[in-house]
PDB file of N, CA and C in Angstrom:
ATOM      1  N   MET A   1     119.854 234.054  38.340  1.00  0.00           N
ATOM      2  CA  MET A   1     120.158 233.934  36.821  1.00  0.00           C
ATOM      3  C   MET A   1     121.621 234.018  36.680  1.00  0.00           C
ATOM      4  N   GLY A   2     122.391 233.498  37.738  1.00  0.00           N
ATOM      5  CA  GLY A   2     123.866 233.623  37.723  1.00  0.00           C
ATOM      6  C   GLY A   2     124.249 232.254  37.269  1.00  0.00           C
ATOM      7  N   ALA A   3     125.513 232.029  37.307  1.00  0.00           N
ATOM      8  CA  ALA A   3     126.094 230.749  36.819  1.00  0.00           C
ATOM      9  C   ALA A   3     127.429 230.679  37.536  1.00  0.00           C
ATOM     10  N   ASP A   4     128.170 229.431  37.477  1.00  0.00           N
ATOM     11  CA  ASP A   4     129.432 229.397  38.109  1.00  0.00           C
ATOM     12  C   ASP A   4     130.375 228.413  37.097  1.00  0.00           C
ATOM     13  N   ILE A   5     131.712 228.882  37.171  1.00  0.00           N
ATOM     14  CA  ILE A   5     132.441 228.142  36.421  1.00  0.00           C
ATOM     15  C   ILE A   5     133.671 227.645  37.398  1.00  0.00           C
ATOM     16  N   LYS A   6     133.899 226.475  37.373  1.00  0.00           N
ATOM     17  CA  LYS A   6     134.972 226.020  38.307  1.00  0.00           C
ATOM     18  C   LYS A   6     136.113 225.695  37.414  1.00  0.00           C
ATOM     19  N   MET A   7     137.329 225.773  37.957  1.00  0.00           N
ATOM     20  CA  MET A   7     138.484 225.509  37.247  1.00  0.00           C
ATOM     21  C   MET A   7     139.721 225.369  38.312  1.00  0.00           C
ATOM     22  N   SER A   8     140.786 224.814  37.802  1.00  0.00           N
ATOM     23  CA  SER A   8     141.928 224.617  38.663  1.00  0.00           C
ATOM     24  C   SER A   8     142.559 225.988  39.038  1.00  0.00           C
ATOM     25  N   ALA A   9     142.944 226.212  40.345  1.00  0.00           N
ATOM     26  CA  ALA A   9     143.491 227.338  40.704  1.00  0.00           C
ATOM     27  C   ALA A   9     144.959 227.583  40.110  1.00  0.00           C
ATOM     28  N   ARG A  10     145.828 226.435  39.958  1.00  0.00           N
ATOM     29  CA  ARG A  10     146.986 226.526  39.263  1.00  0.00           C
ATOM     30  C   ARG A  10     146.916 226.953  37.826  1.00  0.00           C
ATOM     31  N   MET A  11     145.752 226.368  37.046  1.00  0.00           N
ATOM     32  CA  MET A  11     145.471 226.791  35.794  1.00  0.00           C
ATOM     33  C   MET A  11     145.322 228.226  35.587  1.00  0.00           C
ATOM     34  N   LEU A  12     144.374 228.877  36.487  1.00  0.00           N
ATOM     35  CA  LEU A  12     144.172 230.202  36.377  1.00  0.00           C
ATOM     36  C   LEU A  12     145.345 231.012  36.663  1.00  0.00           C
ATOM     37  N   LEU A  13     146.262 230.729  37.682  1.00  0.00           N
ATOM     38  CA  LEU A  13     147.310 231.400  37.821  1.00  0.00           C
ATOM     39  C   LEU A  13     148.242 231.399  36.634  1.00  0.00           C
ATOM     40  N   GLU A  14     148.506 230.238  36.030  1.00  0.00           N
ATOM     41  CA  GLU A  14     149.227 230.127  34.794  1.00  0.00           C
ATOM     42  C   GLU A  14     148.739 230.936  33.770  1.00  0.00           C
ATOM     43  N   ILE A  15     147.485 231.123  33.542  1.00  0.00           N
ATOM     44  CA  ILE A  15     146.931 231.877  32.483  1.00  0.00           C
ATOM     45  C   ILE A  15     147.255 233.425  32.862  1.00  0.00           C
ATOM     46  N   LEU A  16     147.107 233.715  33.991  1.00  0.00           N
ATOM     47  CA  LEU A  16     147.145 235.210  34.395  1.00  0.00           C
ATOM     48  C   LEU A  16     148.769 235.427  34.362  1.00  0.00           C
ATOM     49  N   ALA A  17     149.560 234.487  34.548  1.00  0.00           N
ATOM     50  CA  ALA A  17     151.035 234.705  34.522  1.00  0.00           C
ATOM     51  C   ALA A  17     151.595 234.726  32.971  1.00  0.00           C
ATOM     52  N   GLY A  18     150.732 234.269  32.294  1.00  0.00           N
ATOM     53  CA  GLY A  18     151.171 234.184  30.866  1.00  0.00           C
ATOM     54  C   GLY A  18     152.107 232.956  30.500  1.00  0.00           C
ATOM     55  N   THR A  19     152.066 231.868  31.346  1.00  0.00           N
ATOM     56  CA  THR A  19     152.751 230.726  31.065  1.00  0.00           C
ATOM     57  C   THR A  19     151.980 229.707  30.493  1.00  0.00           C
ATOM     58  N   ARG A  20     150.686 229.685  30.157  1.00  0.00           N
ATOM     59  CA  ARG A  20     149.818 228.869  29.748  1.00  0.00           C
ATOM     60  C   ARG A  20     148.912 229.766  28.827  1.00  0.00           C
ATOM     61  N   THR A  21     148.597 229.251  27.545  1.00  0.00           N
ATOM     62  CA  THR A  21     147.745 230.077  26.646  1.00  0.00           C
ATOM     63  C   THR A  21     146.213 229.861  26.891  1.00  0.00           C
ATOM     64  N   LEU A  22     145.452 230.636  26.419  1.00  0.00           N
ATOM     65  CA  LEU A  22     144.141 230.345  26.290  1.00  0.00           C
ATOM     66  C   LEU A  22     143.686 229.061  25.475  1.00  0.00           C
ATOM     67  N   GLN A  23     144.523 228.900  24.453  1.00  0.00           N
ATOM     68  CA  GLN A  23     144.276 227.740  23.680  1.00  0.00           C
ATOM     69  C   GLN A  23     144.479 226.445  24.508  1.00  0.00           C
ATOM     70  N   GLU A  24     145.596 226.362  25.232  1.00  0.00           N
ATOM     71  CA  GLU A  24     145.829 225.407  26.146  1.00  0.00           C
ATOM     72  C   GLU A  24     144.628 225.124  27.157  1.00  0.00           C
ATOM     73  N   PHE A  25     144.315 226.282  27.610  1.00  0.00           N
ATOM     74  CA  PHE A  25     143.093 226.103  28.696  1.00  0.00           C
ATOM     75  C   PHE A  25     141.836 225.658  27.967  1.00  0.00           C
ATOM     76  N   GLY A  26     141.638 226.200  26.736  1.00  0.00           N
ATOM     77  CA  GLY A  26     140.384 225.487  26.003  1.00  0.00           C
ATOM     78  C   GLY A  26     140.635 224.070  25.612  1.00  0.00           C
ATOM     79  N   GLU A  27     141.704 223.579  25.393  1.00  0.00           N
ATOM     80  CA  GLU A  27     141.914 222.187  25.214  1.00  0.00           C
ATOM     81  C   GLU A  27     141.672 221.362  26.348  1.00  0.00           C
ATOM     82  N   GLY A  28     141.992 221.878  27.541  1.00  0.00           N
ATOM     83  CA  GLY A  28     141.874 221.197  28.819  1.00  0.00           C
ATOM     84  C   GLY A  28     140.489 221.006  29.335  1.00  0.00           C
ATOM     85  N   TYR A  29     139.683 222.062  28.900  1.00  0.00           N
ATOM     86  CA  TYR A  29     138.413 222.322  29.347  1.00  0.00           C
ATOM     87  C   TYR A  29     137.396 221.832  28.244  1.00  0.00           C
ATOM     88  N   ASP A  30     137.915 221.342  27.113  1.00  0.00           N
ATOM     89  CA  ASP A  30     136.993 220.845  26.119  1.00  0.00           C
ATOM     90  C   ASP A  30     136.100 221.943  25.312  1.00  0.00           C
ATOM     91  N   PHE A  31     136.733 223.170  25.095  1.00  0.00           N
ATOM     92  CA  PHE A  31     135.893 224.217  24.554  1.00  0.00           C
ATOM     93  C   PHE A  31     135.421 223.928  23.323  1.00  0.00           C
ATOM     94  N   GLU A  32     136.250 223.172  22.379  1.00  0.00           N
ATOM     95  CA  GLU A  32     135.772 222.561  21.072  1.00  0.00           C
ATOM     96  C   GLU A  32     134.424 222.098  21.016  1.00  0.00           C
ATOM     97  N   ARG A  33     134.140 221.073  22.088  1.00  0.00           N
ATOM     98  CA  ARG A  33     132.769 220.527  22.166  1.00  0.00           C
ATOM     99  C   ARG A  33     131.746 221.408  22.798  1.00  0.00           C
ATOM    100  N   ARG A  34     132.037 222.009  23.935  1.00  0.00           N
ATOM    101  CA  ARG A  34     131.058 222.803  24.746  1.00  0.00           C
ATOM    102  C   ARG A  34     131.164 224.187  24.680  1.00  0.00           C
ATOM    103  N   GLY A  35     132.185 224.729  23.907  1.00  0.00           N
ATOM    104  CA  GLY A  35     132.385 226.198  23.821  1.00  0.00           C
ATOM    105  C   GLY A  35     132.929 226.893  25.009  1.00  0.00           C
ATOM    106  N   ASN A  36     133.226 228.090  24.838  1.00  0.00           N
ATOM    107  CA  ASN A  36     134.149 228.925  25.872  1.00  0.00           C
ATOM    108  C   ASN A  36     133.033 229.399  26.826  1.00  0.00           C
ATOM    109  N   PRO A  37     133.114 228.850  28.069  1.00  0.00           N
ATOM    110  CA  PRO A  37     131.981 229.266  29.009  1.00  0.00           C
ATOM    111  C   PRO A  37     131.977 230.739  29.447  1.00  0.00           C
ATOM    112  N   PHE A  38     133.325 231.385  29.382  1.00  0.00           N
ATOM    113  CA  PHE A  38     133.653 232.761  29.751  1.00  0.00           C
ATOM    114  C   PHE A  38     132.875 233.639  28.726  1.00  0.00           C
ATOM    115  N   ARG A  39     133.038 233.118  27.473  1.00  0.00           N
ATOM    116  CA  ARG A  39     132.442 233.944  26.093  1.00  0.00           C
ATOM    117  C   ARG A  39     130.792 233.846  26.327  1.00  0.00           C
ATOM    118  N   ARG A  40     130.334 232.469  26.682  1.00  0.00           N
ATOM    119  CA  ARG A  40     129.027 232.294  26.867  1.00  0.00           C
ATOM    120  C   ARG A  40     128.402 233.321  27.816  1.00  0.00           C
ATOM    121  N   MET A  41     129.156 233.496  29.065  1.00  0.00           N
ATOM    122  CA  MET A  41     128.607 234.404  30.056  1.00  0.00           C
ATOM    123  C   MET A  41     128.741 235.933  29.485  1.00  0.00           C
ATOM    124  N   LEU A  42     129.791 236.165  28.903  1.00  0.00           N
ATOM    125  CA  LEU A  42     129.797 237.472  28.369  1.00  0.00           C
ATOM    126  C   LEU A  42     128.695 237.796  27.319  1.00  0.00           C
ATOM    127  N   ASP A  43     128.431 236.814  26.382  1.00  0.00           N
ATOM    128  CA  ASP A  43     127.482 237.117  25.507  1.00  0.00           C
ATOM    129  C   ASP A  43     126.086 237.284  26.087  1.00  0.00           C
ATOM    130  N   GLN A  44     125.947 236.422  27.169  1.00  0.00           N
ATOM    131  CA  GLN A  44     124.725 236.710  27.925  1.00  0.00           C
ATOM    132  C   GLN A  44     124.601 237.818  28.775  1.00  0.00           C
ATOM    133  N   GLY A  45     125.556 238.763  28.783  1.00  0.00           N
ATOM    134  CA  GLY A  45     125.454 239.804  29.543  1.00  0.00           C
ATOM    135  C   GLY A  45     125.793 239.769  31.105  1.00  0.00           C
ATOM    136  N   LYS A  46     126.437 238.612  31.333  1.00  0.00           N
ATOM    137  CA  LYS A  46     126.734 238.437  32.820  1.00  0.00           C
ATOM    138  C   LYS A  46     128.098 238.705  33.089  1.00  0.00           C
ATOM    139  N   LEU A  47     128.417 239.292  34.333  1.00  0.00           N
ATOM    140  CA  LEU A  47     129.690 239.774  34.744  1.00  0.00           C
ATOM    141  C   LEU A  47     130.021 238.776  36.119  1.00  0.00           C
ATOM    142  N   ILE A  48     131.300 238.849  36.285  1.00  0.00           N
ATOM    143  CA  ILE A  48     131.739 238.171  37.394  1.00  0.00           C
ATOM    144  C   ILE A  48     131.303 238.880  38.584  1.00  0.00           C
ATOM    145  N   SER A  49     130.721 238.014  39.585  1.00  0.00           N
ATOM    146  CA  SER A  49     130.150 238.622  40.906  1.00  0.00           C
ATOM    147  C   SER A  49     131.102 238.276  42.049  1.00  0.00           C
ATOM    148  N   GLU A  50     131.555 237.031  41.725  1.00  0.00           N
ATOM    149  CA  GLU A  50     132.534 236.426  43.155  1.00  0.00           C
ATOM    150  C   GLU A  50     133.446 235.447  42.710  1.00  0.00           C
ATOM    151  N   VAL A  51     134.462 235.569  43.369  1.00  0.00           N
ATOM    152  CA  VAL A  51     135.526 234.369  43.098  1.00  0.00           C
ATOM    153  C   VAL A  51     135.742 233.893  44.516  1.00  0.00           C
ATOM    154  N   THR A  52     135.739 232.489  44.516  1.00  0.00           N
ATOM    155  CA  THR A  52     135.950 231.781  45.803  1.00  0.00           C
ATOM    156  C   THR A  52     137.115 230.673  45.518  1.00  0.00           C
ATOM    157  N   VAL A  53     137.782 230.337  46.532  1.00  0.00           N
ATOM    158  CA  VAL A  53     138.696 229.118  46.388  1.00  0.00           C
ATOM    159  C   VAL A  53     138.558 228.087  47.269  1.00  0.00           C
ATOM    160  N   GLU A  54     138.390 226.804  46.836  1.00  0.00           N
ATOM    161  CA  GLU A  54     138.073 225.732  47.688  1.00  0.00           C
ATOM    162  C   GLU A  54     139.512 225.033  47.845  1.00  0.00           C
ATOM    163  N   HIS A  55     140.082 224.999  49.159  1.00  0.00           N
ATOM    164  CA  HIS A  55     141.257 224.412  49.255  1.00  0.00           C
ATOM    165  C   HIS A  55     141.086 222.981  49.425  1.00  0.00           C
ATOM    166  N   HIS A  56     142.029 222.353  48.812  1.00  0.00           N
ATOM    167  CA  HIS A  56     142.150 220.788  48.906  1.00  0.00           C
ATOM    168  C   HIS A  56     143.532 220.433  49.342  1.00  0.00           C
ATOM    169  N   PRO A  57     143.787 220.274  50.576  1.00  0.00           N
ATOM    170  CA  PRO A  57     145.093 219.953  50.938  1.00  0.00           C
ATOM    171  C   PRO A  57     145.613 218.557  50.520  1.00  0.00           C
ATOM    172  N   GLU A  58     144.514 217.676  50.434  1.00  0.00           N
ATOM    173  CA  GLU A  58     144.921 216.167  49.915  1.00  0.00           C
ATOM    174  C   GLU A  58     145.325 216.089  48.548  1.00  0.00           C
ATOM    175  N   LYS A  59     145.083 217.137  47.654  1.00  0.00           N
ATOM    176  CA  LYS A  59     145.335 217.083  46.370  1.00  0.00           C
ATOM    177  C   LYS A  59     146.388 218.262  46.014  1.00  0.00           C
ATOM    178  N   ASP A  60     147.015 218.075  44.863  1.00  0.00           N
ATOM    179  CA  ASP A  60     147.864 218.912  44.354  1.00  0.00           C
ATOM    180  C   ASP A  60     147.484 220.385  43.891  1.00  0.00           C
ATOM    181  N   ASP A  61     146.197 220.479  43.802  1.00  0.00           N
ATOM    182  CA  ASP A  61     145.609 221.816  43.577  1.00  0.00           C
ATOM    183  C   ASP A  61     144.216 222.099  44.175  1.00  0.00           C
ATOM    184  N   ASP A  62     143.959 223.471  44.249  1.00  0.00           N
ATOM    185  CA  ASP A  62     142.616 223.934  44.746  1.00  0.00           C
ATOM    186  C   ASP A  62     141.798 224.277  43.652  1.00  0.00           C
ATOM    187  N   VAL A  63     140.618 224.485  43.892  1.00  0.00           N
ATOM    188  CA  VAL A  63     139.588 224.797  42.863  1.00  0.00           C
ATOM    189  C   VAL A  63     139.138 226.332  42.957  1.00  0.00           C
ATOM    190  N   VAL A  64     139.021 226.826  41.943  1.00  0.00           N
ATOM    191  CA  VAL A  64     138.541 228.327  42.015  1.00  0.00           C
ATOM    192  C   VAL A  64     137.043 228.315  41.467  1.00  0.00           C
ATOM    193  N   THR A  65     136.169 228.861  41.979  1.00  0.00           N
ATOM    194  CA  THR A  65     134.837 228.936  41.543  1.00  0.00           C
ATOM    195  C   THR A  65     134.595 230.375  41.123  1.00  0.00           C
ATOM    196  N   ILE A  66     134.200 230.690  39.880  1.00  0.00           N
ATOM    197  CA  ILE A  66     133.904 232.076  39.396  1.00  0.00           C
ATOM    198  C   ILE A  66     132.479 232.222  39.222  1.00  0.00           C
ATOM    199  N   GLY A  67     131.873 233.075  40.126  1.00  0.00           N
ATOM    200  CA  GLY A  67     130.398 233.103  40.056  1.00  0.00           C
ATOM    201  C   GLY A  67     129.996 234.359  39.210  1.00  0.00           C
ATOM    202  N   PHE A  68     129.027 234.235  38.393  1.00  0.00           N
ATOM    203  CA  PHE A  68     128.393 235.288  37.535  1.00  0.00           C
ATOM    204  C   PHE A  68     127.143 235.597  37.857  1.00  0.00           C
ATOM    205  N   ARG A  69     126.847 237.000  37.615  1.00  0.00           N
ATOM    206  CA  ARG A  69     125.432 237.393  37.864  1.00  0.00           C
ATOM    207  C   ARG A  69     125.039 238.259  36.528  1.00  0.00           C
ATOM    208  N   GLY A  70     123.642 238.337  36.308  1.00  0.00           N
ATOM    209  CA  GLY A  70     123.523 239.083  35.225  1.00  0.00           C
ATOM    210  C   GLY A  70     121.947 238.877  34.820  1.00  0.00           C
ATOM    211  N   PRO A  71     121.548 239.441  33.823  1.00  0.00           N
ATOM    212  CA  PRO A  71     122.268 240.187  32.887  1.00  0.00           C
ATOM    213  C   PRO A  71     122.611 241.556  33.364  1.00  0.00           C
ATOM    214  N   ASP A  72     123.703 242.009  33.193  1.00  0.00           N
ATOM    215  CA  ASP A  72     123.993 243.381  33.499  1.00  0.00           C
ATOM    216  C   ASP A  72     123.859 244.413  32.364  1.00  0.00           C
ATOM    217  N   PRO A  73     123.146 245.448  32.692  1.00  0.00           N
ATOM    218  CA  PRO A  73     122.776 246.405  31.560  1.00  0.00           C
ATOM    219  C   PRO A  73     124.037 246.972  30.919  1.00  0.00           C
ATOM    220  N   ALA A  74     125.143 247.017  31.579  1.00  0.00           N
ATOM    221  CA  ALA A  74     126.237 247.641  31.020  1.00  0.00           C
ATOM    222  C   ALA A  74     126.904 246.818  29.926  1.00  0.00           C
ATOM    223  N   VAL A  75     126.622 245.588  29.842  1.00  0.00           N
ATOM    224  CA  VAL A  75     127.277 244.597  28.883  1.00  0.00           C
ATOM    225  C   VAL A  75     126.129 243.754  28.079  1.00  0.00           C
ATOM    226  N   SER A  76     124.978 243.926  28.368  1.00  0.00           N
ATOM    227  CA  SER A  76     123.855 243.261  27.708  1.00  0.00           C
ATOM    228  C   SER A  76     123.311 244.096  26.502  1.00  0.00           C
ATOM    229  N   PRO A  77     122.955 243.209  25.604  1.00  0.00           N
ATOM    230  CA  PRO A  77     122.166 243.979  24.349  1.00  0.00           C
ATOM    231  C   PRO A  77     120.918 244.778  24.806  1.00  0.00           C
ATOM    232  N   PHE A  78     120.858 245.949  24.221  1.00  0.00           N
ATOM    233  CA  PHE A  78     119.637 246.794  24.600  1.00  0.00           C
ATOM    234  C   PHE A  78     118.343 246.141  23.968  1.00  0.00           C
ATOM    235  N   GLU A  79     117.381 245.929  24.796  1.00  0.00           N
ATOM    236  CA  GLU A  79     116.085 245.454  24.491  1.00  0.00           C
ATOM    237  C   GLU A  79     114.961 246.309  24.732  1.00  0.00           C
ATOM    238  N   ILE A  80     113.948 246.339  24.093  1.00  0.00           N
ATOM    239  CA  ILE A  80     112.753 247.141  24.276  1.00  0.00           C
ATOM    240  C   ILE A  80     111.652 246.085  24.430  1.00  0.00           C
ATOM    241  N   ASP A  81     110.810 246.402  25.631  1.00  0.00           N
ATOM    242  CA  ASP A  81     109.604 245.652  25.731  1.00  0.00           C
ATOM    243  C   ASP A  81     108.435 246.142  25.058  1.00  0.00           C
ATOM    244  N   ASN A  82     108.161 245.312  24.118  1.00  0.00           N
ATOM    245  CA  ASN A  82     107.018 245.630  23.326  1.00  0.00           C
ATOM    246  C   ASN A  82     105.666 245.030  23.525  1.00  0.00           C
ATOM    247  N   THR A  83     105.412 244.553  24.905  1.00  0.00           N
ATOM    248  CA  THR A  83     104.238 244.080  25.220  1.00  0.00           C
ATOM    249  C   THR A  83     103.244 244.992  25.535  1.00  0.00           C
ATOM    250  N   GLY A  84     103.429 246.324  25.422  1.00  0.00           N
ATOM    251  CA  GLY A  84     102.228 247.286  25.499  1.00  0.00           C
ATOM    252  C   GLY A  84     101.673 247.405  26.839  1.00  0.00           C
ATOM    253  N   ASP A  85     102.400 247.410  27.933  1.00  0.00           N
ATOM    254  CA  ASP A  85     101.860 247.607  29.331  1.00  0.00           C
ATOM    255  C   ASP A  85     100.906 248.658  29.355  1.00  0.00           C
TER     256      ASP A  85
END
């Protein structure tokens, strides 16, 4: 029940450094059409479980893959099973 989000390593660093805005990130990743994948994971109660970097020496950038697991009870909506076991 996990999911992965792939993004530019440079883009991630620029966001964390504050030199690129989340709005710019959203424009580059077409949030308007597909929605914010991070918001979607959070809304589904999924938390980050791993981050990996794929090095691409032949390109100007590497790829960061952020893996999610879930749903996590700490951030998921509380649900009651009414099946009557």
